[in-house]
All heavy atoms as atom14 arrays in JSON, in Angstrom:
{
  "sequence": "LLAIERGAPLLILNLEPTPLDDRADVVLRAPAGHALPRLLARLPAL",
  "atom14_mask": [
    [1, 1, 1, 1, 1, 1, 1, 1, 0, 0, 0, 0, 0, 0],
    [1, 1, 1, 1, 1, 1, 1, 1, 0, 0, 0, 0, 0, 0],
    [1, 1, 1, 1, 1, 0, 0, 0, 0, 0, 0, 0, 0, 0],
    [1, 1, 1, 1, 1, 1, 1, 1, 0, 0, 0, 0, 0, 0],
    [1, 1, 1, 1, 1, 1, 1, 1, 1, 0, 0, 0, 0, 0],
    [1, 1, 1, 1, 1, 1, 1, 1, 1, 1, 1, 0, 0, 0],
    [1, 1, 1, 1, 0, 0, 0, 0, 0, 0, 0, 0, 0, 0],
    [1, 1, 1, 1, 1, 0, 0, 0, 0, 0, 0, 0, 0, 0],
    [1, 1, 1, 1, 1, 1, 1, 0, 0, 0, 0, 0, 0, 0],
    [1, 1, 1, 1, 1, 1, 1, 1, 0, 0, 0, 0, 0, 0],
    [1, 1, 1, 1, 1, 1, 1, 1, 0, 0, 0, 0, 0, 0],
    [1, 1, 1, 1, 1, 1, 1, 1, 0, 0, 0, 0, 0, 0],
    [1, 1, 1, 1, 1, 1, 1, 1, 0, 0, 0, 0, 0, 0],
    [1, 1, 1, 1, 1, 1, 1, 1, 0, 0, 0, 0, 0, 0],
    [1, 1, 1, 1, 1, 1, 1, 1, 0, 0, 0, 0, 0, 0],
    [1, 1, 1, 1, 1, 1, 1, 1, 1, 0, 0, 0, 0, 0],
    [1, 1, 1, 1, 1, 1, 1, 0, 0, 0, 0, 0, 0, 0],
    [1, 1, 1, 1, 1, 1, 1, 0, 0, 0, 0, 0, 0, 0],
    [1, 1, 1, 1, 1, 1, 1, 0, 0, 0, 0, 0, 0, 0],
    [1, 1, 1, 1, 1, 1, 1, 1, 0, 0, 0, 0, 0, 0],
    [1, 1, 1, 1, 1, 1, 1, 1, 0, 0, 0, 0, 0, 0],
    [1, 1, 1, 1, 1, 1, 1, 1, 0, 0, 0, 0, 0, 0],
    [1, 1, 1, 1, 1, 1, 1, 1, 1, 1, 1, 0, 0, 0],
    [1, 1, 1, 1, 1, 0, 0, 0, 0, 0, 0, 0, 0, 0],
    [1, 1, 1, 1, 1, 1, 1, 1, 0, 0, 0, 0, 0, 0],
    [1, 1, 1, 1, 1, 1, 1, 0, 0, 0, 0, 0, 0, 0],
    [1, 1, 1, 1, 1, 1, 1, 0, 0, 0, 0, 0, 0, 0],
    [1, 1, 1, 1, 1, 1, 1, 1, 0, 0, 0, 0, 0, 0],
    [1, 1, 1, 1, 1, 1, 1, 1, 1, 1, 1, 0, 0, 0],
    [1, 1, 1, 1, 1, 0, 0, 0, 0, 0, 0, 0, 0, 0],
    [1, 1, 1, 1, 1, 1, 1, 0, 0, 0, 0, 0, 0, 0],
    [1, 1, 1, 1, 1, 0, 0, 0, 0, 0, 0, 0, 0, 0],
    [1, 1, 1, 1, 0, 0, 0, 0, 0, 0, 0, 0, 0, 0],
    [1, 1, 1, 1, 1, 1, 1, 1, 1, 1, 0, 0, 0, 0],
    [1, 1, 1, 1, 1, 0, 0, 0, 0, 0, 0, 0, 0, 0],
    [1, 1, 1, 1, 1, 1, 1, 1, 0, 0, 0, 0, 0, 0],
    [1, 1, 1, 1, 1, 1, 1, 0, 0, 0, 0, 0, 0, 0],
    [1, 1, 1, 1, 1, 1, 1, 1, 1, 1, 1, 0, 0, 0],
    [1, 1, 1, 1, 1, 1, 1, 1, 0, 0, 0, 0, 0, 0],
    [1, 1, 1, 1, 1, 1, 1, 1, 0, 0, 0, 0, 0, 0],
    [1, 1, 1, 1, 1, 0, 0, 0, 0, 0, 0, 0, 0, 0],
    [1, 1, 1, 1, 1, 1, 1, 1, 1, 1, 1, 0, 0, 0],
    [1, 1, 1, 1, 1, 1, 1, 1, 0, 0, 0, 0, 0, 0],
    [1, 1, 1, 1, 1, 1, 1, 0, 0, 0, 0, 0, 0, 0],
    [1, 1, 1, 1, 1, 0, 0, 0, 0, 0, 0, 0, 0, 0],
    [1, 1, 1, 1, 1, 1, 1, 1, 0, 0, 0, 0, 0, 0]
  ],
  "atom14_positions": [
    [[9.76, -7.19, 4.75], [10.0, -8.64, 4.69], [9.74, -9.3, 6.03], [9.17, -10.39, 6.11], [11.44, -8.9, 4.24], [11.76, -8.59, 2.79], [13.26, -8.7, 2.54], [10.99, -9.52, 1.86], [0.0, 0.0, 0.0], [0.0, 0.0, 0.0], [0.0, 0.0, 0.0], [0.0, 0.0, 0.0], [0.0, 0.0, 0.0], [0.0, 0.0, 0.0]],
    [[10.13, -8.63, 7.09], [9.9, -9.16, 8.43], [8.41, -9.25, 8.7], [7.94, -10.24, 9.28], [10.58, -8.25, 9.47], [10.55, -8.71, 10.92], [11.14, -10.1, 11.07], [11.31, -7.71, 11.79], [0.0, 0.0, 0.0], [0.0, 0.0, 0.0], [0.0, 0.0, 0.0], [0.0, 0.0, 0.0], [0.0, 0.0, 0.0], [0.0, 0.0, 0.0]],
    [[7.66, -8.25, 8.29], [6.2, -8.27, 8.47], [5.57, -9.41, 7.68], [4.69, -10.13, 8.19], [5.61, -6.93, 8.06], [0.0, 0.0, 0.0], [0.0, 0.0, 0.0], [0.0, 0.0, 0.0], [0.0, 0.0, 0.0], [0.0, 0.0, 0.0], [0.0, 0.0, 0.0], [0.0, 0.0, 0.0], [0.0, 0.0, 0.0], [0.0, 0.0, 0.0]],
    [[6.03, -9.6, 6.43], [5.5, -10.68, 5.6], [5.76, -12.03, 6.25], [4.89, -12.92, 6.28], [6.12, -10.63, 4.19], [5.65, -9.41, 3.42], [5.78, -11.89, 3.4], [6.38, -9.2, 2.1], [0.0, 0.0, 0.0], [0.0, 0.0, 0.0], [0.0, 0.0, 0.0], [0.0, 0.0, 0.0], [0.0, 0.0, 0.0], [0.0, 0.0, 0.0]],
    [[6.98, -12.21, 6.77], [7.34, -13.48, 7.4], [6.45, -13.79, 8.6], [6.22, -14.95, 8.93], [8.8, -13.44, 7.83], [9.78, -13.45, 6.66], [11.21, -13.14, 7.1], [11.42, -12.96, 8.33], [12.09, -13.07, 6.23], [0.0, 0.0, 0.0], [0.0, 0.0, 0.0], [0.0, 0.0, 0.0], [0.0, 0.0, 0.0], [0.0, 0.0, 0.0]],
    [[5.94, -12.74, 9.26], [5.04, -12.93, 10.4], [3.57, -13.02, 9.97], [2.69, -13.06, 10.82], [5.22, -11.77, 11.39], [6.64, -11.63, 11.96], [7.06, -12.9, 12.7], [8.44, -12.85, 13.13], [8.82, -12.64, 14.39], [7.92, -12.46, 15.33], [10.1, -12.62, 14.71], [0.0, 0.0, 0.0], [0.0, 0.0, 0.0], [0.0, 0.0, 0.0]],
    [[3.33, -13.02, 8.65], [1.97, -13.23, 8.15], [1.16, -11.98, 7.87], [-0.02, -12.07, 7.55], [0.0, 0.0, 0.0], [0.0, 0.0, 0.0], [0.0, 0.0, 0.0], [0.0, 0.0, 0.0], [0.0, 0.0, 0.0], [0.0, 0.0, 0.0], [0.0, 0.0, 0.0], [0.0, 0.0, 0.0], [0.0, 0.0, 0.0], [0.0, 0.0, 0.0]],
    [[1.77, -10.8, 7.95], [1.04, -9.56, 7.7], [0.98, -9.26, 6.2], [1.98, -9.41, 5.5], [1.7, -8.4, 8.43], [0.0, 0.0, 0.0], [0.0, 0.0, 0.0], [0.0, 0.0, 0.0], [0.0, 0.0, 0.0], [0.0, 0.0, 0.0], [0.0, 0.0, 0.0], [0.0, 0.0, 0.0], [0.0, 0.0, 0.0], [0.0, 0.0, 0.0]],
    [[-0.17, -8.83, 5.68], [-0.24, -8.4, 4.28], [0.63, -7.16, 4.06], [0.86, -6.38, 4.99], [-1.72, -8.08, 4.09], [-2.44, -8.77, 5.2], [-1.48, -8.77, 6.35], [0.0, 0.0, 0.0], [0.0, 0.0, 0.0], [0.0, 0.0, 0.0], [0.0, 0.0, 0.0], [0.0, 0.0, 0.0], [0.0, 0.0, 0.0], [0.0, 0.0, 0.0]],
    [[1.07, -6.98, 2.81], [1.92, -5.84, 2.46], [1.24, -5.01, 1.38], [0.83, -5.55, 0.34], [3.28, -6.33, 1.96], [4.23, -5.28, 1.38], [4.61, -4.25, 2.45], [5.48, -5.93, 0.8], [0.0, 0.0, 0.0], [0.0, 0.0, 0.0], [0.0, 0.0, 0.0], [0.0, 0.0, 0.0], [0.0, 0.0, 0.0], [0.0, 0.0, 0.0]],
    [[1.13, -3.7, 1.62], [0.6, -2.75, 0.65], [1.72, -1.77, 0.29], [2.45, -1.33, 1.18], [-0.58, -1.96, 1.22], [-1.68, -2.76, 1.94], [-2.75, -1.81, 2.46], [-2.28, -3.81, 1.03], [0.0, 0.0, 0.0], [0.0, 0.0, 0.0], [0.0, 0.0, 0.0], [0.0, 0.0, 0.0], [0.0, 0.0, 0.0], [0.0, 0.0, 0.0]],
    [[1.86, -1.42, -0.99], [2.9, -0.49, -1.43], [2.27, 0.64, -2.23], [1.59, 0.4, -3.24], [3.97, -1.2, -2.27], [4.7, -2.26, -1.43], [4.97, -0.19, -2.83], [5.75, -3.04, -2.19], [0.0, 0.0, 0.0], [0.0, 0.0, 0.0], [0.0, 0.0, 0.0], [0.0, 0.0, 0.0], [0.0, 0.0, 0.0], [0.0, 0.0, 0.0]],
    [[2.5, 1.86, -1.78], [2.06, 3.07, -2.47], [3.32, 3.85, -2.83], [3.96, 4.46, -1.97], [1.15, 3.9, -1.56], [0.78, 5.32, -2.0], [0.15, 5.33, -3.38], [-0.14, 5.97, -0.98], [0.0, 0.0, 0.0], [0.0, 0.0, 0.0], [0.0, 0.0, 0.0], [0.0, 0.0, 0.0], [0.0, 0.0, 0.0], [0.0, 0.0, 0.0]],
    [[3.7, 3.8, -4.1], [4.94, 4.44, -4.53], [4.86, 4.74, -6.02], [4.27, 3.97, -6.78], [6.14, 3.52, -4.25], [7.46, 4.25, -4.3], [7.63, 5.27, -3.63], [8.4, 3.75, -5.08], [0.0, 0.0, 0.0], [0.0, 0.0, 0.0], [0.0, 0.0, 0.0], [0.0, 0.0, 0.0], [0.0, 0.0, 0.0], [0.0, 0.0, 0.0]],
    [[5.44, 5.84, -6.44], [5.37, 6.22, -7.85], [6.2, 5.31, -8.75], [5.87, 5.12, -9.92], [5.83, 7.67, -8.02], [4.83, 8.75, -7.58], [5.52, 10.12, -7.56], [3.63, 8.77, -8.5], [0.0, 0.0, 0.0], [0.0, 0.0, 0.0], [0.0, 0.0, 0.0], [0.0, 0.0, 0.0], [0.0, 0.0, 0.0], [0.0, 0.0, 0.0]],
    [[7.29, 4.75, -8.2], [8.18, 3.92, -9.0], [8.15, 2.47, -8.5], [7.79, 2.21, -7.35], [9.62, 4.46, -8.93], [9.77, 5.92, -9.31], [9.44, 6.19, -10.76], [9.5, 5.22, -11.57], [9.11, 7.33, -11.1], [0.0, 0.0, 0.0], [0.0, 0.0, 0.0], [0.0, 0.0, 0.0], [0.0, 0.0, 0.0], [0.0, 0.0, 0.0]],
    [[8.54, 1.51, -9.34], [8.61, 0.11, -8.9], [9.58, -0.07, -7.75], [10.55, 0.69, -7.61], [9.1, -0.63, -10.15], [8.75, 0.27, -11.3], [8.89, 1.67, -10.77], [0.0, 0.0, 0.0], [0.0, 0.0, 0.0], [0.0, 0.0, 0.0], [0.0, 0.0, 0.0], [0.0, 0.0, 0.0], [0.0, 0.0, 0.0], [0.0, 0.0, 0.0]],
    [[9.34, -1.07, -6.91], [10.24, -1.41, -5.82], [10.6, -2.9, -5.92], [9.9, -3.67, -6.59], [9.6, -1.15, -4.45], [8.72, -2.24, -4.12], [8.81, 0.16, -4.42], [0.0, 0.0, 0.0], [0.0, 0.0, 0.0], [0.0, 0.0, 0.0], [0.0, 0.0, 0.0], [0.0, 0.0, 0.0], [0.0, 0.0, 0.0], [0.0, 0.0, 0.0]],
    [[11.66, -3.33, -5.25], [12.04, -4.74, -5.3], [11.02, -5.68, -4.67], [11.1, -6.9, -4.88], [13.36, -4.75, -4.5], [13.86, -3.36, -4.56], [12.65, -2.49, -4.56], [0.0, 0.0, 0.0], [0.0, 0.0, 0.0], [0.0, 0.0, 0.0], [0.0, 0.0, 0.0], [0.0, 0.0, 0.0], [0.0, 0.0, 0.0], [0.0, 0.0, 0.0]],
    [[10.07, -5.15, -3.9], [9.1, -6.01, -3.22], [7.71, -5.96, -3.84], [6.76, -6.49, -3.26], [9.01, -5.62, -1.74], [10.25, -5.89, -0.88], [9.96, -5.59, 0.58], [10.72, -7.32, -1.05], [0.0, 0.0, 0.0], [0.0, 0.0, 0.0], [0.0, 0.0, 0.0], [0.0, 0.0, 0.0], [0.0, 0.0, 0.0], [0.0, 0.0, 0.0]],
    [[7.58, -5.35, -5.01], [6.26, -5.27, -5.64], [5.63, -6.65, -5.83], [4.41, -6.82, -5.65], [6.34, -4.55, -6.98], [6.5, -3.04, -6.83], [6.52, -2.57, -5.67], [6.6, -2.35, -7.86], [0.0, 0.0, 0.0], [0.0, 0.0, 0.0], [0.0, 0.0, 0.0], [0.0, 0.0, 0.0], [0.0, 0.0, 0.0], [0.0, 0.0, 0.0]],
    [[6.44, -7.63, -6.19], [5.89, -8.96, -6.46], [5.53, -9.71, -5.18], [4.87, -10.75, -5.24], [6.85, -9.8, -7.3], [8.19, -10.04, -6.62], [8.48, -9.35, -5.61], [8.95, -10.9, -7.1], [0.0, 0.0, 0.0], [0.0, 0.0, 0.0], [0.0, 0.0, 0.0], [0.0, 0.0, 0.0], [0.0, 0.0, 0.0], [0.0, 0.0, 0.0]],
    [[5.92, -9.17, -4.02], [5.56, -9.78, -2.74], [4.37, -9.08, -2.1], [3.85, -9.55, -1.08], [6.76, -9.7, -1.77], [8.04, -10.34, -2.25], [7.98, -11.85, -2.21], [7.73, -12.37, -0.88], [8.69, -12.59, 0.04], [9.95, -12.3, -0.25], [8.39, -13.11, 1.2], [0.0, 0.0, 0.0], [0.0, 0.0, 0.0], [0.0, 0.0, 0.0]],
    [[3.96, -7.97, -2.68], [2.89, -7.16, -2.09], [1.51, -7.69, -2.46], [1.3, -8.24, -3.53], [3.02, -5.7, -2.52], [0.0, 0.0, 0.0], [0.0, 0.0, 0.0], [0.0, 0.0, 0.0], [0.0, 0.0, 0.0], [0.0, 0.0, 0.0], [0.0, 0.0, 0.0], [0.0, 0.0, 0.0], [0.0, 0.0, 0.0], [0.0, 0.0, 0.0]],
    [[0.55, -7.49, -1.55], [-0.83, -7.85, -1.82], [-1.51, -6.82, -2.72], [-2.38, -7.18, -3.53], [-1.59, -7.98, -0.5], [-1.09, -9.14, 0.34], [-0.1, -8.97, 1.08], [-1.67, -10.23, 0.24], [0.0, 0.0, 0.0], [0.0, 0.0, 0.0], [0.0, 0.0, 0.0], [0.0, 0.0, 0.0], [0.0, 0.0, 0.0], [0.0, 0.0, 0.0]],
    [[-1.13, -5.55, -2.58], [-1.65, -4.49, -3.43], [-0.52, -3.5, -3.7], [0.22, -3.13, -2.77], [-2.84, -3.72, -2.79], [-3.41, -2.71, -3.79], [-3.93, -4.67, -2.32], [0.0, 0.0, 0.0], [0.0, 0.0, 0.0], [0.0, 0.0, 0.0], [0.0, 0.0, 0.0], [0.0, 0.0, 0.0], [0.0, 0.0, 0.0], [0.0, 0.0, 0.0]],
    [[-0.38, -3.07, -4.95], [0.58, -2.04, -5.33], [-0.18, -0.91, -6.02], [-0.99, -1.16, -6.93], [1.67, -2.59, -6.28], [2.59, -1.47, -6.75], [2.47, -3.68, -5.59], [0.0, 0.0, 0.0], [0.0, 0.0, 0.0], [0.0, 0.0, 0.0], [0.0, 0.0, 0.0], [0.0, 0.0, 0.0], [0.0, 0.0, 0.0], [0.0, 0.0, 0.0]],
    [[0.09, 0.31, -5.61], [-0.57, 1.48, -6.19], [0.48, 2.49, -6.61], [1.29, 2.93, -5.79], [-1.53, 2.11, -5.18], [-2.21, 3.44, -5.59], [-3.01, 3.27, -6.88], [-3.09, 3.95, -4.45], [0.0, 0.0, 0.0], [0.0, 0.0, 0.0], [0.0, 0.0, 0.0], [0.0, 0.0, 0.0], [0.0, 0.0, 0.0], [0.0, 0.0, 0.0]],
    [[0.49, 2.85, -7.9], [1.39, 3.87, -8.43], [0.66, 5.21, -8.41], [-0.12, 5.51, -9.33], [1.78, 3.54, -9.86], [2.52, 2.24, -10.0], [4.01, 2.45, -9.99], [4.66, 1.16, -10.11], [4.98, 0.39, -9.08], [4.74, 0.8, -7.87], [5.54, -0.78, -9.26], [0.0, 0.0, 0.0], [0.0, 0.0, 0.0], [0.0, 0.0, 0.0]],
    [[0.87, 5.99, -7.39], [0.18, 7.27, -7.28], [0.9, 8.15, -6.27], [1.59, 7.64, -5.38], [-1.28, 7.06, -6.84], [0.0, 0.0, 0.0], [0.0, 0.0, 0.0], [0.0, 0.0, 0.0], [0.0, 0.0, 0.0], [0.0, 0.0, 0.0], [0.0, 0.0, 0.0], [0.0, 0.0, 0.0], [0.0, 0.0, 0.0], [0.0, 0.0, 0.0]],
    [[0.76, 9.47, -6.39], [1.34, 10.37, -5.39], [0.58, 10.21, -4.07], [-0.66, 10.19, -4.04], [1.15, 11.75, -6.0], [0.04, 11.6, -6.98], [0.13, 10.2, -7.5], [0.0, 0.0, 0.0], [0.0, 0.0, 0.0], [0.0, 0.0, 0.0], [0.0, 0.0, 0.0], [0.0, 0.0, 0.0], [0.0, 0.0, 0.0], [0.0, 0.0, 0.0]],
    [[1.32, 10.12, -2.99], [0.71, 9.84, -1.68], [-0.29, 10.9, -1.26], [-1.33, 10.59, -0.67], [1.81, 9.7, -0.63], [0.0, 0.0, 0.0], [0.0, 0.0, 0.0], [0.0, 0.0, 0.0], [0.0, 0.0, 0.0], [0.0, 0.0, 0.0], [0.0, 0.0, 0.0], [0.0, 0.0, 0.0], [0.0, 0.0, 0.0], [0.0, 0.0, 0.0]],
    [[0.02, 12.16, -1.55], [-0.86, 13.23, -1.12], [-2.21, 13.23, -1.8], [-3.17, 13.81, -1.29], [0.0, 0.0, 0.0], [0.0, 0.0, 0.0], [0.0, 0.0, 0.0], [0.0, 0.0, 0.0], [0.0, 0.0, 0.0], [0.0, 0.0, 0.0], [0.0, 0.0, 0.0], [0.0, 0.0, 0.0], [0.0, 0.0, 0.0], [0.0, 0.0, 0.0]],
    [[-2.31, 12.57, -2.95], [-3.58, 12.43, -3.65], [-4.28, 11.13, -3.27], [-5.5, 11.1, -3.09], [-3.36, 12.46, -5.16], [-2.88, 13.76, -5.68], [-3.71, 14.74, -6.17], [-1.63, 14.28, -5.79], [-3.01, 15.79, -6.56], [-1.74, 15.53, -6.34], [0.0, 0.0, 0.0], [0.0, 0.0, 0.0], [0.0, 0.0, 0.0], [0.0, 0.0, 0.0]],
    [[-3.51, 10.05, -3.16], [-4.11, 8.73, -2.96], [-4.58, 8.48, -1.53], [-5.65, 7.89, -1.31], [-3.11, 7.65, -3.37], [0.0, 0.0, 0.0], [0.0, 0.0, 0.0], [0.0, 0.0, 0.0], [0.0, 0.0, 0.0], [0.0, 0.0, 0.0], [0.0, 0.0, 0.0], [0.0, 0.0, 0.0], [0.0, 0.0, 0.0], [0.0, 0.0, 0.0]],
    [[-3.8, 8.9, -0.53], [-4.17, 8.58, 0.84], [-5.49, 9.2, 1.28], [-6.28, 8.54, 1.95], [-3.04, 8.98, 1.8], [-1.89, 7.96, 1.92], [-0.84, 8.47, 2.89], [-2.4, 6.61, 2.37], [0.0, 0.0, 0.0], [0.0, 0.0, 0.0], [0.0, 0.0, 0.0], [0.0, 0.0, 0.0], [0.0, 0.0, 0.0], [0.0, 0.0, 0.0]],
    [[-5.78, 10.47, 0.95], [-7.09, 10.99, 1.31], [-8.24, 10.2, 0.66], [-9.28, 9.99, 1.28], [-7.05, 12.44, 0.79], [-5.6, 12.79, 0.83], [-4.9, 11.52, 0.42], [0.0, 0.0, 0.0], [0.0, 0.0, 0.0], [0.0, 0.0, 0.0], [0.0, 0.0, 0.0], [0.0, 0.0, 0.0], [0.0, 0.0, 0.0], [0.0, 0.0, 0.0]],
    [[-8.04, 9.73, -0.56], [-9.06, 8.9, -1.21], [-9.21, 7.57, -0.51], [-10.33, 7.05, -0.36], [-8.7, 8.68, -2.68], [-8.79, 9.92, -3.53], [-8.77, 9.58, -4.99], [-8.9, 10.76, -5.82], [-9.15, 10.72, -7.11], [-9.3, 9.55, -7.72], [-9.25, 11.83, -7.82], [0.0, 0.0, 0.0], [0.0, 0.0, 0.0], [0.0, 0.0, 0.0]],
    [[-8.09, 7.01, -0.08], [-8.14, 5.77, 0.67], [-8.88, 5.97, 1.99], [-9.72, 5.14, 2.37], [-6.71, 5.28, 0.92], [-6.51, 4.01, 1.75], [-7.27, 2.85, 1.13], [-5.03, 3.69, 1.87], [0.0, 0.0, 0.0], [0.0, 0.0, 0.0], [0.0, 0.0, 0.0], [0.0, 0.0, 0.0], [0.0, 0.0, 0.0], [0.0, 0.0, 0.0]],
    [[-8.58, 7.06, 2.66], [-9.24, 7.35, 3.93], [-10.75, 7.52, 3.74], [-11.55, 7.08, 4.58], [-8.64, 8.63, 4.52], [-8.89, 8.93, 5.99], [-8.32, 7.85, 6.88], [-8.28, 10.28, 6.34], [0.0, 0.0, 0.0], [0.0, 0.0, 0.0], [0.0, 0.0, 0.0], [0.0, 0.0, 0.0], [0.0, 0.0, 0.0], [0.0, 0.0, 0.0]],
    [[-11.14, 8.12, 2.63], [-12.56, 8.35, 2.37], [-13.32, 7.05, 2.14], [-14.56, 7.01, 2.29], [-12.73, 9.27, 1.15], [0.0, 0.0, 0.0], [0.0, 0.0, 0.0], [0.0, 0.0, 0.0], [0.0, 0.0, 0.0], [0.0, 0.0, 0.0], [0.0, 0.0, 0.0], [0.0, 0.0, 0.0], [0.0, 0.0, 0.0], [0.0, 0.0, 0.0]],
    [[-12.62, 5.97, 1.79], [-13.26, 4.67, 1.58], [-13.55, 3.94, 2.89], [-14.3, 2.97, 2.89], [-12.37, 3.78, 0.72], [-12.15, 4.24, -0.72], [-13.38, 4.01, -1.57], [-13.09, 4.16, -2.98], [-12.89, 3.16, -3.83], [-12.95, 1.92, -3.39], [-12.63, 3.39, -5.1], [0.0, 0.0, 0.0], [0.0, 0.0, 0.0], [0.0, 0.0, 0.0]],
    [[-12.95, 4.4, 3.98], [-13.13, 3.73, 5.26], [-14.42, 4.19, 5.93], [-14.85, 5.33, 5.75], [-11.94, 4.0, 6.18], [-10.57, 3.56, 5.65], [-9.48, 3.9, 6.66], [-10.56, 2.08, 5.32], [0.0, 0.0, 0.0], [0.0, 0.0, 0.0], [0.0, 0.0, 0.0], [0.0, 0.0, 0.0], [0.0, 0.0, 0.0], [0.0, 0.0, 0.0]],
    [[-15.03, 3.32, 6.74], [-16.25, 3.72, 7.45], [-15.98, 4.92, 8.35], [-14.93, 5.02, 8.97], [-16.6, 2.48, 8.27], [-15.9, 1.35, 7.58], [-14.64, 1.93, 7.0], [0.0, 0.0, 0.0], [0.0, 0.0, 0.0], [0.0, 0.0, 0.0], [0.0, 0.0, 0.0], [0.0, 0.0, 0.0], [0.0, 0.0, 0.0], [0.0, 0.0, 0.0]],
    [[-16.92, 5.84, 8.42], [-16.79, 7.0, 9.28], [-16.85, 6.59, 10.74], [-17.5, 5.6, 11.09], [-17.89, 8.02, 8.98], [0.0, 0.0, 0.0], [0.0, 0.0, 0.0], [0.0, 0.0, 0.0], [0.0, 0.0, 0.0], [0.0, 0.0, 0.0], [0.0, 0.0, 0.0], [0.0, 0.0, 0.0], [0.0, 0.0, 0.0], [0.0, 0.0, 0.0]],
    [[-16.17, 7.35, 11.58], [-16.2, 7.06, 13.02], [-17.58, 7.39, 13.59], [-18.22, 8.34, 13.17], [-15.13, 7.88, 13.74], [-13.69, 7.44, 13.53], [-12.74, 8.38, 14.27], [-13.5, 6.0, 14.02], [0.0, 0.0, 0.0], [0.0, 0.0, 0.0], [0.0, 0.0, 0.0], [0.0, 0.0, 0.0], [0.0, 0.0, 0.0], [0.0, 0.0, 0.0]]
  ]
}
């Protein structure tokens, strides 16, 4: 909430709903160990 108030976008990666889902810019229901490597693979290589 503090980050949102300062203008930062909010992303939520969690298997279950949270109280801030409706405030988030993106919500992803997935296990972190599977989703984060896929997210990393979408970023430009160094």
